[in-house]
Every structure is written in C-alpha cells, then in structure tokens.
C-alpha cells in the first residue's frame, strides 16, 4: 500500500494528547516528533516524557521540603 507523510504543527501543551489520539487511528503507521528542529521517534519522545516526569517529581519533593517556591495553580491555569 502506498503511504504519504503529513507535517502537522501542534502546540507543546497538546502534543501528548495529539500523540495518544494518533496512536488510536489504525491506518497511522509511523509517528515522528520534531522538537527544536530535530526529529525524534516516538520512543525518544517517551524517554523525554519520562525524564520530565522525574524532574517534576523531584521539584514536588523540594517544594514539600520548603526548598522550592512554585506558582499557585490558579495563576498557572490562567496562563493556559
């Protein structure tokens, strides 16, 4: 079967949602994510997500110890 490639630009804060949606489309065969002009496959993207989660959890730990100040949730949500 012949296949074509499509380039789609997605906001950073919607990328995870978009990738999850694309994985559920049966005819989508390959997903590549371009970040800062470099292309990474889905596996590398998952590695980045894992690293970001680790960093986030470390920040939560530091916040709970009082060693890190954070933005109030309302302010964060207002920015979205």
N, C-alpha and C. Protein backbone atom coordinates (compact mmCIF):
# COMPACT_ATOMS: atom_id res chain seq x y z
N UNK A 1 0.84 -1.17 0.00
CA UNK A 1 0.00 0.00 0.00
C UNK A 1 0.89 1.24 0.00
N UNK A 2 0.57 2.20 -0.83
CA UNK A 2 1.31 3.46 -0.86
C UNK A 2 0.95 4.30 0.36
N UNK A 3 1.95 4.99 0.91
CA UNK A 3 1.74 5.83 2.08
C UNK A 3 2.28 7.22 1.79
N UNK A 4 1.71 8.22 2.38
CA UNK A 4 2.17 9.61 2.28
C UNK A 4 2.50 10.10 3.68
N UNK A 5 3.34 11.13 3.74
CA UNK A 5 3.70 11.77 5.01
C UNK A 5 3.00 13.11 5.10
N UNK A 6 2.65 13.50 6.32
CA UNK A 6 1.99 14.77 6.57
C UNK A 6 2.71 15.46 7.71
N UNK A 7 2.99 16.74 7.56
CA UNK A 7 3.61 17.51 8.64
C UNK A 7 2.51 18.32 9.33
N UNK A 8 2.43 18.18 10.64
CA UNK A 8 1.41 18.87 11.43
C UNK A 8 2.11 19.59 12.57
N UNK A 9 1.76 20.83 12.80
CA UNK A 9 2.32 21.60 13.91
C UNK A 9 1.30 21.62 15.04
N UNK A 10 1.73 21.20 16.23
CA UNK A 10 0.85 21.08 17.38
C UNK A 10 1.47 21.85 18.55
N UNK A 11 0.67 22.60 19.31
CA UNK A 11 1.22 23.29 20.48
C UNK A 11 1.82 22.30 21.47
N UNK A 12 2.89 22.70 22.14
CA UNK A 12 3.57 21.83 23.10
C UNK A 12 2.61 21.24 24.13
N UNK A 13 1.71 22.05 24.63
CA UNK A 13 0.83 21.58 25.70
C UNK A 13 -0.25 20.62 25.21
N UNK A 14 -0.35 20.41 23.91
CA UNK A 14 -1.34 19.48 23.34
C UNK A 14 -0.68 18.27 22.69
N UNK A 15 0.66 18.20 22.70
CA UNK A 15 1.36 17.14 21.99
C UNK A 15 1.03 15.75 22.51
N UNK A 16 1.04 15.56 23.82
CA UNK A 16 0.73 14.24 24.39
C UNK A 16 -0.67 13.79 23.99
N UNK A 17 -1.63 14.68 24.07
CA UNK A 17 -2.99 14.37 23.68
C UNK A 17 -3.06 13.99 22.21
N UNK A 18 -2.39 14.77 21.37
CA UNK A 18 -2.39 14.50 19.94
C UNK A 18 -1.76 13.15 19.63
N UNK A 19 -0.62 12.83 20.26
CA UNK A 19 0.04 11.54 20.02
C UNK A 19 -0.84 10.38 20.46
N UNK A 20 -1.51 10.52 21.59
CA UNK A 20 -2.41 9.46 22.05
C UNK A 20 -3.54 9.26 21.05
N UNK A 21 -4.05 10.34 20.52
CA UNK A 21 -5.12 10.28 19.54
C UNK A 21 -4.64 9.59 18.27
N UNK A 22 -3.46 9.96 17.80
CA UNK A 22 -2.92 9.39 16.56
C UNK A 22 -2.65 7.89 16.70
N UNK A 23 -2.23 7.44 17.88
CA UNK A 23 -1.97 6.01 18.10
C UNK A 23 -3.23 5.17 17.96
N UNK A 24 -4.38 5.79 18.18
CA UNK A 24 -5.65 5.06 18.09
C UNK A 24 -6.22 5.01 16.68
N UNK A 25 -5.57 5.67 15.74
CA UNK A 25 -6.02 5.62 14.35
C UNK A 25 -5.31 4.45 13.68
N UNK A 26 -6.06 3.48 13.24
CA UNK A 26 -5.49 2.21 12.78
C UNK A 26 -4.60 2.33 11.55
N UNK A 27 -4.84 3.31 10.70
CA UNK A 27 -4.05 3.40 9.48
C UNK A 27 -2.78 4.23 9.62
N UNK A 28 -2.55 4.84 10.78
CA UNK A 28 -1.31 5.59 11.03
C UNK A 28 -0.21 4.57 11.32
N UNK A 29 0.86 4.59 10.52
CA UNK A 29 1.90 3.57 10.62
C UNK A 29 3.15 4.03 11.36
N UNK A 30 3.48 5.30 11.32
CA UNK A 30 4.73 5.76 11.92
C UNK A 30 4.51 7.17 12.44
N UNK A 31 5.02 7.44 13.64
CA UNK A 31 4.91 8.77 14.23
C UNK A 31 6.30 9.26 14.57
N UNK A 32 6.65 10.43 14.07
CA UNK A 32 7.91 11.09 14.42
C UNK A 32 7.57 12.44 15.01
N UNK A 33 8.31 12.84 16.03
CA UNK A 33 8.09 14.12 16.69
C UNK A 33 9.32 14.99 16.46
N UNK A 34 9.11 16.20 15.99
CA UNK A 34 10.20 17.14 15.76
C UNK A 34 10.20 18.16 16.90
N UNK A 35 11.32 18.24 17.61
CA UNK A 35 11.45 19.16 18.73
C UNK A 35 12.69 20.02 18.49
N UNK A 36 12.49 21.34 18.48
CA UNK A 36 13.61 22.26 18.24
C UNK A 36 14.40 21.89 17.00
N UNK A 37 13.71 21.65 15.91
CA UNK A 37 14.30 21.35 14.60
C UNK A 37 15.02 20.01 14.53
N UNK A 38 14.90 19.16 15.54
CA UNK A 38 15.48 17.83 15.45
C UNK A 38 14.35 16.81 15.49
N UNK A 39 14.51 15.75 14.75
CA UNK A 39 13.46 14.75 14.68
C UNK A 39 13.78 13.62 15.63
N UNK A 40 12.76 13.19 16.38
CA UNK A 40 12.95 12.04 17.26
C UNK A 40 11.78 11.10 17.03
N UNK A 41 12.02 9.82 17.17
CA UNK A 41 10.92 8.87 17.03
C UNK A 41 10.12 8.82 18.32
N UNK A 42 9.02 8.11 18.29
CA UNK A 42 8.13 8.07 19.44
C UNK A 42 8.83 7.55 20.70
N UNK A 43 9.74 6.60 20.54
CA UNK A 43 10.46 6.06 21.68
C UNK A 43 11.29 7.11 22.38
N UNK A 44 11.98 7.95 21.61
CA UNK A 44 12.77 9.03 22.21
C UNK A 44 11.86 10.04 22.89
N UNK A 45 10.70 10.29 22.30
CA UNK A 45 9.76 11.22 22.92
C UNK A 45 9.32 10.68 24.28
N UNK A 46 9.07 9.37 24.34
CA UNK A 46 8.67 8.75 25.61
C UNK A 46 9.79 8.89 26.64
N UNK A 47 11.05 8.77 26.20
CA UNK A 47 12.17 8.97 27.12
C UNK A 47 12.17 10.39 27.66
N UNK A 48 11.89 11.37 26.80
CA UNK A 48 11.82 12.76 27.25
C UNK A 48 10.69 12.96 28.24
N UNK A 49 9.55 12.34 27.98
CA UNK A 49 8.41 12.46 28.89
C UNK A 49 8.78 11.87 30.25
N UNK A 50 9.43 10.71 30.24
CA UNK A 50 9.85 10.07 31.48
C UNK A 50 10.80 10.97 32.26
N UNK A 51 11.77 11.56 31.57
CA UNK A 51 12.72 12.46 32.23
C UNK A 51 12.00 13.69 32.79
N UNK A 52 11.05 14.24 32.04
CA UNK A 52 10.29 15.40 32.53
C UNK A 52 9.48 15.04 33.77
N UNK A 53 8.91 13.83 33.80
CA UNK A 53 8.18 13.39 34.99
C UNK A 53 9.10 13.26 36.19
N UNK A 54 10.28 12.70 35.98
CA UNK A 54 11.26 12.58 37.08
C UNK A 54 11.61 13.96 37.63
N UNK A 55 11.87 14.89 36.71
CA UNK A 55 12.21 16.25 37.12
C UNK A 55 11.07 16.87 37.90
N UNK A 56 9.84 16.68 37.40
CA UNK A 56 8.67 17.22 38.08
C UNK A 56 8.49 16.65 39.48
N UNK A 57 8.70 15.35 39.62
CA UNK A 57 8.57 14.72 40.94
C UNK A 57 9.65 15.22 41.90
N UNK A 58 10.84 15.44 41.38
CA UNK A 58 11.92 15.99 42.22
C UNK A 58 11.54 17.40 42.67
N UNK A 59 10.94 18.19 41.79
CA UNK A 59 10.51 19.54 42.16
C UNK A 59 9.42 19.49 43.23
N UNK A 60 8.49 18.53 43.13
CA UNK A 60 7.46 18.37 44.16
C UNK A 60 8.11 18.04 45.50
N UNK A 61 9.09 17.14 45.49
CA UNK A 61 9.80 16.77 46.72
C UNK A 61 10.46 18.00 47.34
N UNK A 62 11.14 18.80 46.51
CA UNK A 62 11.80 20.01 47.02
C UNK A 62 10.78 21.01 47.55
N UNK A 63 9.64 21.14 46.87
CA UNK A 63 8.59 22.06 47.31
C UNK A 63 8.06 21.63 48.69
N UNK A 64 7.83 20.33 48.85
CA UNK A 64 7.31 19.84 50.13
C UNK A 64 8.30 20.08 51.27
N UNK A 65 9.60 20.09 50.96
CA UNK A 65 10.62 20.37 51.97
C UNK A 65 10.80 21.86 52.20
N UNK A 66 10.10 22.69 51.40
CA UNK A 66 10.22 24.13 51.55
C UNK A 66 11.44 24.72 50.86
N UNK A 67 12.08 23.95 49.99
CA UNK A 67 13.29 24.41 49.32
C UNK A 67 13.02 24.95 47.91
N UNK A 68 11.75 24.99 47.51
CA UNK A 68 11.41 25.46 46.17
C UNK A 68 10.08 26.19 46.23
N UNK A 69 10.04 27.37 45.62
CA UNK A 69 8.79 28.12 45.53
C UNK A 69 8.14 27.76 44.20
N UNK A 70 6.81 27.72 44.19
CA UNK A 70 6.08 27.37 42.98
C UNK A 70 5.05 28.44 42.65
N UNK A 71 4.47 28.32 41.48
CA UNK A 71 3.40 29.21 41.04
C UNK A 71 2.07 28.63 41.53
N UNK A 72 1.20 29.46 42.10
CA UNK A 72 -0.11 28.95 42.51
C UNK A 72 -0.86 28.35 41.31
N UNK A 73 -1.63 27.29 41.54
CA UNK A 73 -2.34 26.60 40.46
C UNK A 73 -3.23 27.56 39.67
N UNK A 74 -3.91 28.47 40.34
CA UNK A 74 -4.80 29.40 39.64
C UNK A 74 -4.01 30.25 38.65
N UNK A 75 -2.84 30.75 39.06
CA UNK A 75 -2.01 31.55 38.16
C UNK A 75 -1.56 30.72 36.96
N UNK A 76 -1.17 29.47 37.24
CA UNK A 76 -0.74 28.58 36.16
C UNK A 76 -1.88 28.35 35.16
N UNK A 77 -3.06 28.04 35.67
CA UNK A 77 -4.21 27.77 34.80
C UNK A 77 -4.64 29.01 34.03
N UNK A 78 -4.52 30.18 34.66
CA UNK A 78 -4.86 31.44 33.96
C UNK A 78 -3.96 31.67 32.75
N UNK A 79 -2.70 31.19 32.82
CA UNK A 79 -1.77 31.35 31.72
C UNK A 79 -2.13 30.48 30.53
N UNK A 80 -2.82 29.37 30.81
CA UNK A 80 -3.21 28.46 29.72
C UNK A 80 -4.32 29.10 28.93
